[in-house]
PDB file of N, CA and C in Angstrom:
ATOM      1  N   MET A   1       0.903  -1.191   0.082  1.00  0.00           N
ATOM      2  CA  MET A   1       0.057   0.035  -0.061  1.00  0.00           C
ATOM      3  C   MET A   1       0.789   1.258  -0.041  1.00  0.00           C
ATOM      4  N   GLN A   2       0.627   2.020  -0.935  1.00  0.00           N
ATOM      5  CA  GLN A   2       1.431   3.351  -0.939  1.00  0.00           C
ATOM      6  C   GLN A   2       0.677   4.464  -0.250  1.00  0.00           C
ATOM      7  N   ILE A   3       1.362   5.412   0.386  1.00  0.00           N
ATOM      8  CA  ILE A   3       0.910   6.519   1.133  1.00  0.00           C
ATOM      9  C   ILE A   3       1.296   7.649   0.277  1.00  0.00           C
ATOM     10  N   ASP A   4       0.372   8.575   0.208  1.00  0.00           N
ATOM     11  CA  ASP A   4       0.557   9.933  -0.547  1.00  0.00           C
ATOM     12  C   ASP A   4       1.744  10.592   0.237  1.00  0.00           C
ATOM     13  N   LYS A   5       2.776  11.235  -0.674  1.00  0.00           N
ATOM     14  CA  LYS A   5       3.919  11.873  -0.136  1.00  0.00           C
ATOM     15  C   LYS A   5       3.548  13.047   0.646  1.00  0.00           C
ATOM     16  N   ASN A   6       2.279  13.627   0.512  1.00  0.00           N
ATOM     17  CA  ASN A   6       1.946  14.848   1.103  1.00  0.00           C
ATOM     18  C   ASN A   6       1.241  14.538   2.439  1.00  0.00           C
ATOM     19  N   GLU A   7       0.968  13.254   2.669  1.00  0.00           N
ATOM     20  CA  GLU A   7       0.115  12.814   3.839  1.00  0.00           C
ATOM     21  C   GLU A   7       1.247  12.822   5.015  1.00  0.00           C
ATOM     22  N   PRO A   8       0.848  13.558   6.076  1.00  0.00           N
ATOM     23  CA  PRO A   8       1.595  13.736   7.218  1.00  0.00           C
ATOM     24  C   PRO A   8       1.628  12.329   8.135  1.00  0.00           C
ATOM     25  N   SER A   9       0.629  11.590   7.941  1.00  0.00           N
ATOM     26  CA  SER A   9       0.562  10.327   8.666  1.00  0.00           C
ATOM     27  C   SER A   9       1.758   9.340   8.384  1.00  0.00           C
ATOM     28  N   ARG A  10       2.398   9.584   7.202  1.00  0.00           N
ATOM     29  CA  ARG A  10       3.563   8.666   6.962  1.00  0.00           C
ATOM     30  C   ARG A  10       4.728   8.796   7.884  1.00  0.00           C
ATOM     31  N   PHE A  11       4.798   9.957   8.700  1.00  0.00           N
ATOM     32  CA  PHE A  11       5.845  10.126   9.593  1.00  0.00           C
ATOM     33  C   PHE A  11       5.354   9.452  11.048  1.00  0.00           C
ATOM     34  N   LEU A  12       4.265   8.881  11.208  1.00  0.00           N
ATOM     35  CA  LEU A  12       3.982   8.087  12.359  1.00  0.00           C
ATOM     36  C   LEU A  12       4.514   6.752  12.353  1.00  0.00           C
ATOM     37  N   GLY A  13       4.828   6.155  13.661  1.00  0.00           N
ATOM     38  CA  GLY A  13       5.448   4.914  13.781  1.00  0.00           C
ATOM     39  C   GLY A  13       6.955   4.906  13.386  1.00  0.00           C
ATOM     40  N   ASP A  14       7.455   4.079  12.511  1.00  0.00           N
ATOM     41  CA  ASP A  14       8.840   4.137  12.065  1.00  0.00           C
ATOM     42  C   ASP A  14       9.142   5.224  11.310  1.00  0.00           C
ATOM     43  N   GLY A  15       8.259   6.014  10.694  1.00  0.00           N
ATOM     44  CA  GLY A  15       8.440   7.100   9.796  1.00  0.00           C
ATOM     45  C   GLY A  15       8.933   6.758   8.445  1.00  0.00           C
ATOM     46  N   VAL A  16       9.705   7.725   7.753  1.00  0.00           N
ATOM     47  CA  VAL A  16      10.109   7.503   6.419  1.00  0.00           C
ATOM     48  C   VAL A  16      11.573   7.476   6.536  1.00  0.00           C
ATOM     49  N   SER A  17      12.112   6.319   5.771  1.00  0.00           N
ATOM     50  CA  SER A  17      13.456   6.127   5.667  1.00  0.00           C
ATOM     51  C   SER A  17      14.195   6.587   4.415  1.00  0.00           C
ATOM     52  N   PHE A  18      15.395   6.979   4.499  1.00  0.00           N
ATOM     53  CA  PHE A  18      16.173   7.515   3.434  1.00  0.00           C
ATOM     54  C   PHE A  18      17.623   6.904   3.499  1.00  0.00           C
ATOM     55  N   ARG A  19      18.074   6.404   2.327  1.00  0.00           N
ATOM     56  CA  ARG A  19      19.589   5.965   2.296  1.00  0.00           C
ATOM     57  C   ARG A  19      20.388   7.063   2.199  1.00  0.00           C
ATOM     58  N   ALA A  20      21.492   7.108   2.857  1.00  0.00           N
ATOM     59  CA  ALA A  20      22.600   8.290   2.790  1.00  0.00           C
ATOM     60  C   ALA A  20      23.883   7.724   3.078  1.00  0.00           C
ATOM     61  N   LYS A  21      24.879   8.694   2.838  1.00  0.00           N
ATOM     62  CA  LYS A  21      26.211   8.499   3.388  1.00  0.00           C
ATOM     63  C   LYS A  21      26.538   9.487   4.414  1.00  0.00           C
ATOM     64  N   LEU A  22      27.109   9.165   5.448  1.00  0.00           N
ATOM     65  CA  LEU A  22      27.517   9.933   6.546  1.00  0.00           C
ATOM     66  C   LEU A  22      28.909  10.459   6.339  1.00  0.00           C
ATOM     67  N   ILE A  23      28.963  11.788   6.179  1.00  0.00           N
ATOM     68  CA  ILE A  23      30.245  12.532   5.932  1.00  0.00           C
ATOM     69  C   ILE A  23      31.046  12.720   7.215  1.00  0.00           C
ATOM     70  N   GLY A  24      30.203  13.159   8.152  1.00  0.00           N
ATOM     71  CA  GLY A  24      30.801  13.292   9.492  1.00  0.00           C
ATOM     72  C   GLY A  24      29.884  14.048  10.392  1.00  0.00           C
ATOM     73  N   ILE A  25      30.199  14.363  11.695  1.00  0.00           N
ATOM     74  CA  ILE A  25      29.439  15.169  12.610  1.00  0.00           C
ATOM     75  C   ILE A  25      30.390  16.145  12.990  1.00  0.00           C
ATOM     76  N   LEU A  26      29.682  17.572  12.918  1.00  0.00           N
ATOM     77  CA  LEU A  26      30.140  18.812  13.299  1.00  0.00           C
ATOM     78  C   LEU A  26      29.359  19.551  14.141  1.00  0.00           C
ATOM     79  N   GLU A  27      29.788  19.960  15.248  1.00  0.00           N
ATOM     80  CA  GLU A  27      28.929  20.939  15.995  1.00  0.00           C
ATOM     81  C   GLU A  27      29.020  22.320  15.334  1.00  0.00           C
ATOM     82  N   VAL A  28      27.785  23.095  15.380  1.00  0.00           N
ATOM     83  CA  VAL A  28      27.803  24.377  14.684  1.00  0.00           C
ATOM     84  C   VAL A  28      27.304  25.396  15.763  1.00  0.00           C
ATOM     85  N   GLY A  29      27.500  26.601  15.574  1.00  0.00           N
ATOM     86  CA  GLY A  29      27.050  27.599  16.489  1.00  0.00           C
ATOM     87  C   GLY A  29      25.641  27.830  16.593  1.00  0.00           C
ATOM     88  N   GLU A  30      25.064  27.776  15.311  1.00  0.00           N
ATOM     89  CA  GLU A  30      23.562  28.085  15.186  1.00  0.00           C
ATOM     90  C   GLU A  30      22.967  26.829  14.526  1.00  0.00           C
ATOM     91  N   ALA A  31      21.687  26.837  14.698  1.00  0.00           N
ATOM     92  CA  ALA A  31      20.959  25.636  14.128  1.00  0.00           C
ATOM     93  C   ALA A  31      20.241  26.252  12.791  1.00  0.00           C
ATOM     94  N   ARG A  32      20.419  27.283  12.216  1.00  0.00           N
ATOM     95  CA  ARG A  32      19.902  27.637  11.043  1.00  0.00           C
ATOM     96  C   ARG A  32      20.920  28.489  10.176  1.00  0.00           C
ATOM     97  N   GLY A  33      20.479  28.426   8.868  1.00  0.00           N
ATOM     98  CA  GLY A  33      21.317  29.071   7.972  1.00  0.00           C
ATOM     99  C   GLY A  33      22.020  28.302   6.828  1.00  0.00           C
ATOM    100  N   GLU A  34      21.635  28.767   5.742  1.00  0.00           N
ATOM    101  CA  GLU A  34      22.132  27.942   4.578  1.00  0.00           C
ATOM    102  C   GLU A  34      23.692  28.072   4.483  1.00  0.00           C
ATOM    103  N   ARG A  35      24.197  29.156   4.579  1.00  0.00           N
ATOM    104  CA  ARG A  35      25.591  29.472   4.523  1.00  0.00           C
ATOM    105  C   ARG A  35      26.379  28.626   5.386  1.00  0.00           C
ATOM    106  N   MET A  36      25.747  28.638   6.745  1.00  0.00           N
ATOM    107  CA  MET A  36      26.481  27.861   7.722  1.00  0.00           C
ATOM    108  C   MET A  36      26.500  26.439   7.501  1.00  0.00           C
ATOM    109  N   CYS A  37      25.443  25.859   6.784  1.00  0.00           N
ATOM    110  CA  CYS A  37      25.371  24.622   6.428  1.00  0.00           C
ATOM    111  C   CYS A  37      26.454  24.161   5.425  1.00  0.00           C
ATOM    112  N   GLN A  38      26.600  25.021   4.426  1.00  0.00           N
ATOM    113  CA  GLN A  38      27.544  24.842   3.305  1.00  0.00           C
ATOM    114  C   GLN A  38      28.965  24.970   3.789  1.00  0.00           C
ATOM    115  N   GLU A  39      29.221  25.818   4.704  1.00  0.00           N
ATOM    116  CA  GLU A  39      30.613  25.881   5.297  1.00  0.00           C
ATOM    117  C   GLU A  39      30.921  24.569   6.032  1.00  0.00           C
ATOM    118  N   ALA A  40      29.917  24.138   6.827  1.00  0.00           N
ATOM    119  CA  ALA A  40      30.159  22.995   7.761  1.00  0.00           C
ATOM    120  C   ALA A  40      30.441  21.708   6.751  1.00  0.00           C
ATOM    121  N   LEU A  41      29.579  21.636   5.759  1.00  0.00           N
ATOM    122  CA  LEU A  41      29.599  20.543   4.656  1.00  0.00           C
ATOM    123  C   LEU A  41      31.087  20.529   4.019  1.00  0.00           C
ATOM    124  N   ALA A  42      31.524  21.647   3.685  1.00  0.00           N
ATOM    125  CA  ALA A  42      32.865  21.803   3.065  1.00  0.00           C
ATOM    126  C   ALA A  42      33.927  21.472   3.954  1.00  0.00           C
ATOM    127  N   ASP A  43      33.886  21.844   5.243  1.00  0.00           N
ATOM    128  CA  ASP A  43      34.846  21.345   6.258  1.00  0.00           C
ATOM    129  C   ASP A  43      34.838  20.024   6.441  1.00  0.00           C
ATOM    130  N   LEU A  44      33.723  19.262   6.476  1.00  0.00           N
ATOM    131  CA  LEU A  44      33.558  17.787   6.644  1.00  0.00           C
ATOM    132  C   LEU A  44      34.164  17.202   5.367  1.00  0.00           C
ATOM    133  N   LYS A  45      33.841  17.502   4.190  1.00  0.00           N
ATOM    134  CA  LYS A  45      34.327  16.931   2.865  1.00  0.00           C
ATOM    135  C   LYS A  45      35.794  16.952   3.027  1.00  0.00           C
ATOM    136  N   MET A  46      36.354  18.107   3.278  1.00  0.00           N
ATOM    137  CA  MET A  46      37.952  18.364   3.311  1.00  0.00           C
ATOM    138  C   MET A  46      38.561  17.361   4.349  1.00  0.00           C
ATOM    139  N   ALA A  47      37.859  17.122   5.431  1.00  0.00           N
ATOM    140  CA  ALA A  47      38.405  16.242   6.333  1.00  0.00           C
ATOM    141  C   ALA A  47      38.308  14.799   5.951  1.00  0.00           C
ATOM    142  N   VAL A  48      37.322  14.466   5.380  1.00  0.00           N
ATOM    143  CA  VAL A  48      37.211  13.044   4.857  1.00  0.00           C
ATOM    144  C   VAL A  48      38.247  12.766   3.741  1.00  0.00           C
ATOM    145  N   ARG A  49      38.396  13.834   2.822  1.00  0.00           N
ATOM    146  CA  ARG A  49      39.445  13.680   1.706  1.00  0.00           C
ATOM    147  C   ARG A  49      40.846  13.487   2.234  1.00  0.00           C
ATOM    148  N   ALA A  50      41.258  14.316   3.382  1.00  0.00           N
ATOM    149  CA  ALA A  50      42.516  14.382   3.898  1.00  0.00           C
ATOM    150  C   ALA A  50      42.834  13.036   4.638  1.00  0.00           C
ATOM    151  N   ALA A  51      41.681  12.587   5.261  1.00  0.00           N
ATOM    152  CA  ALA A  51      41.921  11.099   6.070  1.00  0.00           C
ATOM    153  C   ALA A  51      41.929  10.059   5.091  1.00  0.00           C
ATOM    154  N   GLY A  52      41.409  10.157   3.819  1.00  0.00           N
ATOM    155  CA  GLY A  52      41.353   9.087   2.884  1.00  0.00           C
ATOM    156  C   GLY A  52      40.451   7.942   3.379  1.00  0.00           C
ATOM    157  N   GLU A  53      39.343   8.203   4.104  1.00  0.00           N
ATOM    158  CA  GLU A  53      38.417   7.334   4.618  1.00  0.00           C
ATOM    159  C   GLU A  53      37.195   7.162   3.577  1.00  0.00           C
ATOM    160  N   HIS A  54      36.475   6.055   3.726  1.00  0.00           N
ATOM    161  CA  HIS A  54      35.303   6.032   3.118  1.00  0.00           C
ATOM    162  C   HIS A  54      34.106   6.550   3.916  1.00  0.00           C
ATOM    163  N   LYS A  55      33.021   7.137   3.282  1.00  0.00           N
ATOM    164  CA  LYS A  55      31.777   7.581   4.018  1.00  0.00           C
ATOM    165  C   LYS A  55      31.114   6.305   4.408  1.00  0.00           C
ATOM    166  N   GLN A  56      30.593   6.414   5.693  1.00  0.00           N
ATOM    167  CA  GLN A  56      29.725   5.399   6.157  1.00  0.00           C
ATOM    168  C   GLN A  56      28.317   5.344   5.520  1.00  0.00           C
ATOM    169  N   ARG A  57      27.907   4.180   5.164  1.00  0.00           N
ATOM    170  CA  ARG A  57      26.502   4.223   4.558  1.00  0.00           C
ATOM    171  C   ARG A  57      25.503   3.970   5.753  1.00  0.00           C
ATOM    172  N   ILE A  58      24.468   4.859   5.625  1.00  0.00           N
ATOM    173  CA  ILE A  58      23.373   4.863   6.687  1.00  0.00           C
ATOM    174  C   ILE A  58      22.087   4.955   6.144  1.00  0.00           C
ATOM    175  N   VAL A  59      21.120   4.658   7.085  1.00  0.00           N
ATOM    176  CA  VAL A  59      19.700   4.967   6.843  1.00  0.00           C
ATOM    177  C   VAL A  59      19.300   5.968   7.760  1.00  0.00           C
ATOM    178  N   VAL A  60      18.597   7.088   7.304  1.00  0.00           N
ATOM    179  CA  VAL A  60      18.193   8.185   8.028  1.00  0.00           C
ATOM    180  C   VAL A  60      16.595   7.989   8.198  1.00  0.00           C
ATOM    181  N   CYS A  61      16.071   7.681   9.412  1.00  0.00           N
ATOM    182  CA  CYS A  61      14.692   7.516   9.655  1.00  0.00           C
ATOM    183  C   CYS A  61      14.273   8.799  10.236  1.00  0.00           C
ATOM    184  N   VAL A  62      13.268   9.412   9.482  1.00  0.00           N
ATOM    185  CA  VAL A  62      12.568  10.596  10.030  1.00  0.00           C
ATOM    186  C   VAL A  62      11.066  10.220  10.470  1.00  0.00           C
ATOM    187  N   ALA A  63      10.820  10.450  11.799  1.00  0.00           N
ATOM    188  CA  ALA A  63       9.608  10.116  12.136  1.00  0.00           C
ATOM    189  C   ALA A  63       9.116  11.342  13.023  1.00  0.00           C
ATOM    190  N   ILE A  64       7.660  11.323  13.420  1.00  0.00           N
ATOM    191  CA  ILE A  64       7.188  12.345  14.065  1.00  0.00           C
ATOM    192  C   ILE A  64       7.756  12.626  15.562  1.00  0.00           C
ATOM    193  N   ASP A  65       8.277  11.590  15.962  1.00  0.00           N
ATOM    194  CA  ASP A  65       8.868  11.647  17.464  1.00  0.00           C
ATOM    195  C   ASP A  65      10.451  11.862  17.432  1.00  0.00           C
ATOM    196  N   GLY A  66      11.102  11.723  16.235  1.00  0.00           N
ATOM    197  CA  GLY A  66      12.496  12.064  16.311  1.00  0.00           C
ATOM    198  C   GLY A  66      13.151  11.568  15.031  1.00  0.00           C
ATOM    199  N   LEU A  67      14.558  11.776  15.038  1.00  0.00           N
ATOM    200  CA  LEU A  67      15.297  11.383  14.076  1.00  0.00           C
ATOM    201  C   LEU A  67      16.276  10.286  14.427  1.00  0.00           C
ATOM    202  N   ARG A  68      16.567   9.382  13.524  1.00  0.00           N
ATOM    203  CA  ARG A  68      17.409   8.242  13.846  1.00  0.00           C
ATOM    204  C   ARG A  68      18.280   7.980  12.648  1.00  0.00           C
ATOM    205  N   LEU A  69      19.660   7.627  13.050  1.00  0.00           N
ATOM    206  CA  LEU A  69      20.556   7.350  12.110  1.00  0.00           C
ATOM    207  C   LEU A  69      21.071   5.876  12.245  1.00  0.00           C
ATOM    208  N   ARG A  70      20.917   4.946  11.270  1.00  0.00           N
ATOM    209  CA  ARG A  70      21.193   3.575  11.592  1.00  0.00           C
ATOM    210  C   ARG A  70      22.253   3.163  10.547  1.00  0.00           C
ATOM    211  N   ASP A  71      23.261   2.464  10.986  1.00  0.00           N
ATOM    212  CA  ASP A  71      24.346   2.003  10.137  1.00  0.00           C
ATOM    213  C   ASP A  71      23.593   0.869   9.105  1.00  0.00           C
ATOM    214  N   ASP A  72      23.874   1.058   7.886  1.00  0.00           N
ATOM    215  CA  ASP A  72      23.187   0.261   6.756  1.00  0.00           C
ATOM    216  C   ASP A  72      23.720  -1.262   6.793  1.00  0.00           C
ATOM    217  N   LYS A  73      24.774  -1.401   7.285  1.00  0.00           N
ATOM    218  CA  LYS A  73      25.459  -2.940   7.135  1.00  0.00           C
ATOM    219  C   LYS A  73      24.967  -3.454   8.500  1.00  0.00           C
ATOM    220  N   THR A  74      25.266  -2.839   9.678  1.00  0.00           N
ATOM    221  CA  THR A  74      24.971  -3.610  10.887  1.00  0.00           C
ATOM    222  C   THR A  74      23.650  -3.449  11.517  1.00  0.00           C
ATOM    223  N   GLY A  75      22.821  -2.281  11.067  1.00  0.00           N
ATOM    224  CA  GLY A  75      21.508  -2.086  11.709  1.00  0.00           C
ATOM    225  C   GLY A  75      21.609  -1.335  12.999  1.00  0.00           C
ATOM    226  N   VAL A  76      22.888  -1.046  13.508  1.00  0.00           N
ATOM    227  CA  VAL A  76      22.868  -0.423  14.788  1.00  0.00           C
ATOM    228  C   VAL A  76      22.521   1.084  14.637  1.00  0.00           C
ATOM    229  N   SER A  77      21.650   1.465  15.577  1.00  0.00           N
ATOM    230  CA  SER A  77      21.351   3.088  15.590  1.00  0.00           C
ATOM    231  C   SER A  77      22.589   3.777  16.256  1.00  0.00           C
ATOM    232  N   SER A  78      23.070   4.702  15.605  1.00  0.00           N
ATOM    233  CA  SER A  78      24.238   5.353  15.982  1.00  0.00           C
ATOM    234  C   SER A  78      23.938   6.757  16.535  1.00  0.00           C
ATOM    235  N   PHE A  79      22.778   7.293  16.245  1.00  0.00           N
ATOM    236  CA  PHE A  79      22.336   8.590  16.725  1.00  0.00           C
ATOM    237  C   PHE A  79      20.736   8.738  16.803  1.00  0.00           C
ATOM    238  N   ILE A  80      20.328   9.092  17.861  1.00  0.00           N
ATOM    239  CA  ILE A  80      18.852   9.215  18.124  1.00  0.00           C
ATOM    240  C   ILE A  80      18.509  10.704  18.535  1.00  0.00           C
ATOM    241  N   ARG A  81      17.713  11.466  17.824  1.00  0.00           N
ATOM    242  CA  ARG A  81      17.315  12.824  18.164  1.00  0.00           C
ATOM    243  C   ARG A  81      15.811  12.867  18.506  1.00  0.00           C
ATOM    244  N   SER A  82      15.455  13.059  19.733  1.00  0.00           N
ATOM    245  CA  SER A  82      13.967  13.317  19.997  1.00  0.00           C
ATOM    246  C   SER A  82      13.654  14.642  19.696  1.00  0.00           C
ATOM    247  N   TYR A  83      12.421  14.857  19.199  1.00  0.00           N
ATOM    248  CA  TYR A  83      11.943  16.303  18.982  1.00  0.00           C
ATOM    249  C   TYR A  83      11.101  16.693  20.194  1.00  0.00           C
ATOM    250  N   SER A  84      11.177  18.125  20.342  1.00  0.00           N
ATOM    251  CA  SER A  84      10.182  18.597  21.604  1.00  0.00           C
ATOM    252  C   SER A  84       8.929  18.908  20.808  1.00  0.00           C
ATOM    253  N   PRO A  85       7.807  18.625  21.509  1.00  0.00           N
ATOM    254  CA  PRO A  85       6.482  18.873  20.905  1.00  0.00           C
ATOM    255  C   PRO A  85       6.366  20.328  20.611  1.00  0.00           C
ATOM    256  N   SER A  86       7.078  21.232  21.318  1.00  0.00           N
ATOM    257  CA  SER A  86       6.866  22.635  21.081  1.00  0.00           C
ATOM    258  C   SER A  86       7.302  23.176  19.695  1.00  0.00           C
ATOM    259  N   LEU A  87       8.265  22.214  18.978  1.00  0.00           N
ATOM    260  CA  LEU A  87       8.749  22.596  17.758  1.00  0.00           C
ATOM    261  C   LEU A  87       7.604  22.717  16.729  1.00  0.00           C
ATOM    262  N   PHE A  88       6.555  22.023  16.965  1.00  0.00           N
ATOM    263  CA  PHE A  88       5.483  21.789  15.950  1.00  0.00           C
ATOM    264  C   PHE A  88       4.407  22.735  16.252  1.00  0.00           C
ATOM    265  N   GLN A  89       4.392  23.637  17.187  1.00  0.00           N
ATOM    266  CA  GLN A  89       3.226  24.518  17.573  1.00  0.00           C
ATOM    267  C   GLN A  89       3.496  25.874  16.985  1.00  0.00           C
TER     268      GLN A  89
END
């Protein structure tokens, strides 16, 4: 059964999953701003190139209650971020 991509109920339960590659994790000063995101991404890409490492393949699960990053090979969740209900008000 397919759920309409505009239907908010698709984020209930396990939510929506996306395959991705984890470049790295970087703490930033602000939580908003496209320029800040571009600079952080450039810094992470340079660090990965310099180290000569492969990017980790992950599955990003987006649900109404939070965000979960899961290793694609092992299935182990490496990062879980719960949302505050006040974000949606």
